[in-house]
Amino acid sequence: MLVTIESTRSQSPFTDFEDSLADRLLTHYATELLEQQGCANLAELRQAVKRATEVCNCMHLPLRENFKVVYRSRNGEVVQDWRLSPMAYMLMVLNANSSNTFVARTQVEIVQRALNQL
């Protein structure tokens, strides 16, 4: 019996190239905020990422250039994480729990830097 297997591409080579260019700019992981104790748990982290993506959607910023879902090992289990652009990471911090000391301090630093540039 002769079997032919055809590979099916869901994306064009150009789209693959665009994705690899976008991936190059994703320099942070969302879980870095957990490590810095900016979020108490994964649920809080997911909420901060959700809010940051809503900001990008509202401003018509391309999500694929700022967020990418990945899966990583954490404490012996596979968990969802996100690779983020620097802007997406900062948006996530701005949208995290502001009663957290790390988050509040970072928010104040961002505002102070913006005011100093005026």
N, C-alpha and C. Protein backbone atom coordinates (compact mmCIF):
# COMPACT_ATOMS: atom_id res chain seq x y z
N MET A 1 0.84 -1.17 0.00
CA MET A 1 0.00 0.00 0.00
C MET A 1 0.89 1.24 0.00
N LEU A 2 0.61 2.18 -0.82
CA LEU A 2 1.37 3.42 -0.94
C LEU A 2 0.59 4.53 -0.25
N VAL A 3 1.25 5.20 0.66
CA VAL A 3 0.61 6.28 1.39
C VAL A 3 1.38 7.56 1.12
N THR A 4 0.67 8.59 0.78
CA THR A 4 1.30 9.89 0.57
C THR A 4 0.87 10.82 1.68
N ILE A 5 1.84 11.43 2.29
CA ILE A 5 1.54 12.39 3.36
C ILE A 5 1.92 13.77 2.85
N GLU A 6 0.96 14.62 2.81
CA GLU A 6 1.21 15.98 2.39
C GLU A 6 1.25 16.87 3.62
N SER A 7 2.24 17.73 3.64
CA SER A 7 2.29 18.66 4.77
C SER A 7 1.38 19.85 4.46
N THR A 8 0.64 20.22 5.43
CA THR A 8 -0.25 21.36 5.29
C THR A 8 0.29 22.50 6.13
N ARG A 9 0.46 23.61 5.50
CA ARG A 9 0.93 24.80 6.22
C ARG A 9 -0.28 25.69 6.50
N SER A 10 -0.39 26.07 7.74
CA SER A 10 -1.49 26.97 8.07
C SER A 10 -1.08 28.43 7.89
N GLN A 11 0.24 28.66 7.79
CA GLN A 11 0.74 30.01 7.62
C GLN A 11 1.69 30.06 6.44
N SER A 12 1.81 31.21 5.86
CA SER A 12 2.74 31.39 4.75
C SER A 12 4.14 31.62 5.30
N PRO A 13 5.17 31.42 4.49
CA PRO A 13 6.53 31.72 4.95
C PRO A 13 6.68 33.17 5.39
N PHE A 14 5.97 34.08 4.73
CA PHE A 14 6.04 35.48 5.12
C PHE A 14 5.48 35.69 6.53
N THR A 15 4.38 35.04 6.83
CA THR A 15 3.79 35.14 8.17
C THR A 15 4.73 34.55 9.21
N ASP A 16 5.37 33.43 8.88
CA ASP A 16 6.36 32.84 9.78
C ASP A 16 7.50 33.82 10.04
N PHE A 17 7.94 34.51 8.99
CA PHE A 17 9.01 35.49 9.13
C PHE A 17 8.57 36.66 10.02
N GLU A 18 7.35 37.15 9.80
CA GLU A 18 6.83 38.22 10.64
C GLU A 18 6.75 37.79 12.10
N ASP A 19 6.30 36.56 12.33
CA ASP A 19 6.21 36.04 13.70
C ASP A 19 7.59 35.97 14.35
N SER A 20 8.59 35.53 13.60
CA SER A 20 9.93 35.44 14.19
C SER A 20 10.49 36.82 14.49
N LEU A 21 10.17 37.82 13.67
CA LEU A 21 10.60 39.19 13.97
C LEU A 21 9.92 39.70 15.23
N ALA A 22 8.63 39.42 15.36
CA ALA A 22 7.88 39.85 16.55
C ALA A 22 8.41 39.14 17.79
N ASP A 23 8.71 37.85 17.68
CA ASP A 23 9.23 37.08 18.82
C ASP A 23 10.52 37.67 19.37
N ARG A 24 11.31 38.23 18.49
CA ARG A 24 12.60 38.80 18.89
C ARG A 24 12.42 39.95 19.88
N LEU A 25 11.29 40.62 19.82
CA LEU A 25 11.03 41.77 20.69
C LEU A 25 10.38 41.38 22.02
N LEU A 26 10.04 40.11 22.17
CA LEU A 26 9.38 39.64 23.39
C LEU A 26 10.47 39.22 24.38
N THR A 27 10.91 40.16 25.19
CA THR A 27 12.10 39.96 26.02
C THR A 27 11.80 39.67 27.49
N HIS A 28 10.54 39.69 27.87
CA HIS A 28 10.17 39.45 29.27
C HIS A 28 9.18 38.30 29.36
N TYR A 29 9.12 37.70 30.54
CA TYR A 29 8.08 36.72 30.84
C TYR A 29 7.15 37.34 31.88
N ALA A 30 5.87 37.06 31.76
CA ALA A 30 4.90 37.59 32.73
C ALA A 30 5.22 37.09 34.14
N THR A 31 5.71 35.86 34.25
CA THR A 31 5.99 35.31 35.58
C THR A 31 7.13 36.03 36.29
N GLU A 32 7.86 36.90 35.59
CA GLU A 32 8.87 37.72 36.26
C GLU A 32 8.21 38.56 37.35
N LEU A 33 6.97 38.97 37.10
CA LEU A 33 6.24 39.77 38.09
C LEU A 33 5.94 38.94 39.33
N LEU A 34 5.69 37.65 39.16
CA LEU A 34 5.53 36.76 40.32
C LEU A 34 6.84 36.66 41.10
N GLU A 35 7.93 36.49 40.36
CA GLU A 35 9.24 36.36 41.00
C GLU A 35 9.63 37.62 41.77
N GLN A 36 9.19 38.77 41.29
CA GLN A 36 9.47 40.04 41.97
C GLN A 36 8.41 40.36 43.01
N GLN A 37 7.52 39.42 43.23
CA GLN A 37 6.43 39.53 44.21
C GLN A 37 5.49 40.69 43.90
N GLY A 38 5.32 40.96 42.59
CA GLY A 38 4.38 41.98 42.16
C GLY A 38 2.97 41.44 42.04
N CYS A 39 2.85 40.11 41.97
CA CYS A 39 1.55 39.43 41.98
C CYS A 39 1.63 38.31 43.00
N ALA A 40 0.54 38.09 43.68
CA ALA A 40 0.52 37.08 44.74
C ALA A 40 0.40 35.66 44.19
N ASN A 41 -0.25 35.50 43.03
CA ASN A 41 -0.48 34.15 42.50
C ASN A 41 -0.74 34.24 41.00
N LEU A 42 -0.91 33.07 40.37
CA LEU A 42 -1.13 33.03 38.93
C LEU A 42 -2.45 33.68 38.51
N ALA A 43 -3.47 33.58 39.35
CA ALA A 43 -4.76 34.20 39.02
C ALA A 43 -4.62 35.73 38.94
N GLU A 44 -3.90 36.29 39.87
CA GLU A 44 -3.67 37.74 39.87
C GLU A 44 -2.83 38.14 38.65
N LEU A 45 -1.86 37.31 38.33
CA LEU A 45 -1.00 37.55 37.16
C LEU A 45 -1.84 37.52 35.88
N ARG A 46 -2.70 36.52 35.75
CA ARG A 46 -3.57 36.41 34.57
C ARG A 46 -4.45 37.66 34.42
N GLN A 47 -4.93 38.16 35.54
CA GLN A 47 -5.77 39.36 35.51
C GLN A 47 -4.97 40.56 35.00
N ALA A 48 -3.73 40.71 35.44
CA ALA A 48 -2.89 41.82 34.99
C ALA A 48 -2.60 41.70 33.49
N VAL A 49 -2.34 40.49 33.02
CA VAL A 49 -2.11 40.27 31.58
C VAL A 49 -3.38 40.58 30.80
N LYS A 50 -4.52 40.15 31.31
CA LYS A 50 -5.80 40.42 30.63
C LYS A 50 -6.02 41.92 30.50
N ARG A 51 -5.78 42.66 31.55
CA ARG A 51 -5.97 44.11 31.50
C ARG A 51 -5.00 44.76 30.51
N ALA A 52 -3.75 44.29 30.50
CA ALA A 52 -2.76 44.83 29.57
C ALA A 52 -3.15 44.55 28.12
N THR A 53 -3.69 43.36 27.84
CA THR A 53 -4.14 43.07 26.48
C THR A 53 -5.35 43.93 26.10
N GLU A 54 -6.20 44.22 27.08
CA GLU A 54 -7.35 45.10 26.81
C GLU A 54 -6.88 46.50 26.44
N VAL A 55 -5.82 46.98 27.09
CA VAL A 55 -5.26 48.29 26.74
C VAL A 55 -4.77 48.27 25.29
N CYS A 56 -4.03 47.22 24.93
CA CYS A 56 -3.53 47.11 23.56
C CYS A 56 -4.67 47.03 22.55
N ASN A 57 -5.69 46.24 22.87
CA ASN A 57 -6.85 46.16 21.96
C ASN A 57 -7.53 47.51 21.80
N CYS A 58 -7.71 48.22 22.89
CA CYS A 58 -8.35 49.53 22.85
C CYS A 58 -7.57 50.52 21.99
N MET A 59 -6.25 50.42 22.05
CA MET A 59 -5.38 51.34 21.30
C MET A 59 -4.99 50.78 19.93
N HIS A 60 -5.58 49.65 19.56
CA HIS A 60 -5.32 49.00 18.26
C HIS A 60 -3.84 48.67 18.06
N LEU A 61 -3.20 48.24 19.15
CA LEU A 61 -1.81 47.80 19.07
C LEU A 61 -1.80 46.30 18.80
N PRO A 62 -0.94 45.83 17.91
CA PRO A 62 -0.94 44.40 17.56
C PRO A 62 -0.52 43.52 18.73
N LEU A 63 -1.40 42.59 19.10
CA LEU A 63 -1.12 41.70 20.23
C LEU A 63 0.07 40.80 19.94
N ARG A 64 0.19 40.32 18.71
CA ARG A 64 1.27 39.37 18.43
C ARG A 64 2.65 40.01 18.54
N GLU A 65 2.73 41.33 18.49
CA GLU A 65 4.01 42.01 18.69
C GLU A 65 4.28 42.29 20.16
N ASN A 66 3.32 42.01 21.02
CA ASN A 66 3.47 42.35 22.44
C ASN A 66 3.23 41.19 23.40
N PHE A 67 2.49 40.17 22.99
CA PHE A 67 2.15 39.05 23.86
C PHE A 67 2.25 37.74 23.09
N LYS A 68 2.76 36.72 23.74
CA LYS A 68 2.76 35.39 23.15
C LYS A 68 2.59 34.38 24.28
N VAL A 69 1.58 33.54 24.17
CA VAL A 69 1.36 32.50 25.17
C VAL A 69 2.42 31.42 24.99
N VAL A 70 3.05 31.04 26.09
CA VAL A 70 4.03 29.95 26.11
C VAL A 70 3.73 29.07 27.32
N TYR A 71 4.31 27.91 27.33
CA TYR A 71 4.15 27.00 28.47
C TYR A 71 5.54 26.69 29.00
N ARG A 72 5.68 26.81 30.32
CA ARG A 72 6.98 26.62 30.98
C ARG A 72 6.81 25.73 32.19
N SER A 73 7.91 25.19 32.64
CA SER A 73 7.90 24.37 33.84
C SER A 73 8.06 25.28 35.05
N ARG A 74 7.23 25.08 36.06
CA ARG A 74 7.30 25.87 37.29
C ARG A 74 6.99 24.92 38.45
N ASN A 75 7.96 24.75 39.33
CA ASN A 75 7.80 23.86 40.48
C ASN A 75 7.36 22.45 40.07
N GLY A 76 7.93 21.96 38.99
CA GLY A 76 7.65 20.59 38.56
C GLY A 76 6.38 20.40 37.76
N GLU A 77 5.67 21.46 37.44
CA GLU A 77 4.48 21.31 36.61
C GLU A 77 4.52 22.32 35.47
N VAL A 78 3.80 22.02 34.40
CA VAL A 78 3.76 22.90 33.24
C VAL A 78 2.66 23.94 33.47
N VAL A 79 3.04 25.21 33.34
CA VAL A 79 2.09 26.30 33.55
C VAL A 79 2.12 27.25 32.36
N GLN A 80 1.01 27.93 32.17
CA GLN A 80 0.93 28.93 31.11
C GLN A 80 1.71 30.17 31.54
N ASP A 81 2.44 30.73 30.60
CA ASP A 81 3.16 31.97 30.83
C ASP A 81 2.98 32.81 29.57
N TRP A 82 3.50 34.00 29.56
CA TRP A 82 3.43 34.86 28.40
C TRP A 82 4.79 35.48 28.19
N ARG A 83 5.24 35.51 26.94
CA ARG A 83 6.40 36.31 26.58
C ARG A 83 5.86 37.67 26.21
N LEU A 84 6.53 38.71 26.70
CA LEU A 84 6.02 40.07 26.57
C LEU A 84 7.06 41.02 26.00
N SER A 85 6.60 42.00 25.28
CA SER A 85 7.47 43.11 24.89
C SER A 85 7.69 43.96 26.14
N PRO A 86 8.71 44.82 26.13
CA PRO A 86 8.90 45.72 27.28
C PRO A 86 7.65 46.57 27.57
N MET A 87 6.98 47.04 26.50
CA MET A 87 5.78 47.84 26.72
C MET A 87 4.67 47.00 27.37
N ALA A 88 4.49 45.79 26.89
CA ALA A 88 3.45 44.92 27.46
C ALA A 88 3.76 44.61 28.92
N TYR A 89 5.03 44.42 29.23
CA TYR A 89 5.41 44.14 30.62
C TYR A 89 5.06 45.33 31.51
N MET A 90 5.37 46.54 31.05
CA MET A 90 5.07 47.72 31.84
C MET A 90 3.55 47.93 31.96
N LEU A 91 2.82 47.66 30.89
CA LEU A 91 1.36 47.75 30.97
C LEU A 91 0.82 46.75 31.98
N MET A 92 1.43 45.58 32.03
CA MET A 92 1.00 44.57 32.99
C MET A 92 1.25 45.07 34.42
N VAL A 93 2.41 45.67 34.66
CA VAL A 93 2.71 46.20 36.00
C VAL A 93 1.75 47.33 36.35
N LEU A 94 1.46 48.20 35.39
CA LEU A 94 0.53 49.29 35.64
C LEU A 94 -0.88 48.79 35.95
N ASN A 95 -1.22 47.61 35.45
CA ASN A 95 -2.55 47.05 35.64
C ASN A 95 -2.61 45.96 36.70
N ALA A 96 -1.53 45.78 37.42
CA ALA A 96 -1.52 44.79 38.51
C ALA A 96 -2.12 45.43 39.77
N ASN A 97 -2.15 44.66 40.84
CA ASN A 97 -2.74 45.10 42.10
C ASN A 97 -1.94 46.27 42.69
N SER A 98 -2.51 47.45 42.71
CA SER A 98 -1.78 48.65 43.16
C SER A 98 -1.60 48.71 44.67
N SER A 99 -2.21 47.80 45.41
CA SER A 99 -1.94 47.76 46.85
C SER A 99 -0.68 46.95 47.17
N ASN A 100 -0.09 46.35 46.13
CA ASN A 100 1.17 45.63 46.28
C ASN A 100 2.30 46.65 46.26
N THR A 101 3.22 46.57 47.20
CA THR A 101 4.30 47.55 47.33
C THR A 101 5.16 47.64 46.08
N PHE A 102 5.55 46.50 45.51
CA PHE A 102 6.38 46.51 44.29
C PHE A 102 5.64 47.21 43.16
N VAL A 103 4.38 46.88 42.96
CA VAL A 103 3.59 47.46 41.88
C VAL A 103 3.42 48.96 42.11
N ALA A 104 3.06 49.36 43.31
CA ALA A 104 2.86 50.78 43.61
C ALA A 104 4.15 51.57 43.39
N ARG A 105 5.27 51.03 43.85
CA ARG A 105 6.56 51.72 43.68
C ARG A 105 6.89 51.87 42.19
N THR A 106 6.66 50.81 41.42
CA THR A 106 6.94 50.87 39.99
C THR A 106 6.02 51.86 39.29
N GLN A 107 4.75 51.90 39.68
CA GLN A 107 3.82 52.87 39.09
C GLN A 107 4.27 54.29 39.36
N VAL A 108 4.70 54.57 40.59
CA VAL A 108 5.18 55.92 40.93
C VAL A 108 6.43 56.26 40.13
N GLU A 109 7.36 55.31 39.99
CA GLU A 109 8.58 55.54 39.20
C GLU A 109 8.24 55.86 37.75
N ILE A 110 7.30 55.16 37.18
CA ILE A 110 6.91 55.41 35.79
C ILE A 110 6.32 56.81 35.64
N VAL A 111 5.45 57.19 36.56
CA VAL A 111 4.85 58.52 36.50
C VAL A 111 5.91 59.60 36.69
N GLN A 112 6.83 59.40 37.64
CA GLN A 112 7.89 60.38 37.86
C GLN A 112 8.77 60.55 36.62
N ARG A 113 9.12 59.44 35.98
CA ARG A 113 9.92 59.52 34.74
C ARG A 113 9.17 60.27 33.67
N ALA A 114 7.88 60.00 33.53
CA ALA A 114 7.09 60.70 32.51
C ALA A 114 7.02 62.19 32.80
N LEU A 115 6.83 62.56 34.06
CA LEU A 115 6.76 63.97 34.44
C LEU A 115 8.09 64.68 34.24
N ASN A 116 9.19 63.98 34.48
CA ASN A 116 10.51 64.58 34.29
C ASN A 116 10.85 64.81 32.83
N GLN A 117 10.16 64.12 31.94
CA GLN A 117 10.41 64.29 30.50
C GLN A 117 9.60 65.45 29.91
N LEU A 118 8.70 66.01 30.71
CA LEU A 118 7.87 67.12 30.20
C LEU A 118 8.64 68.41 30.12
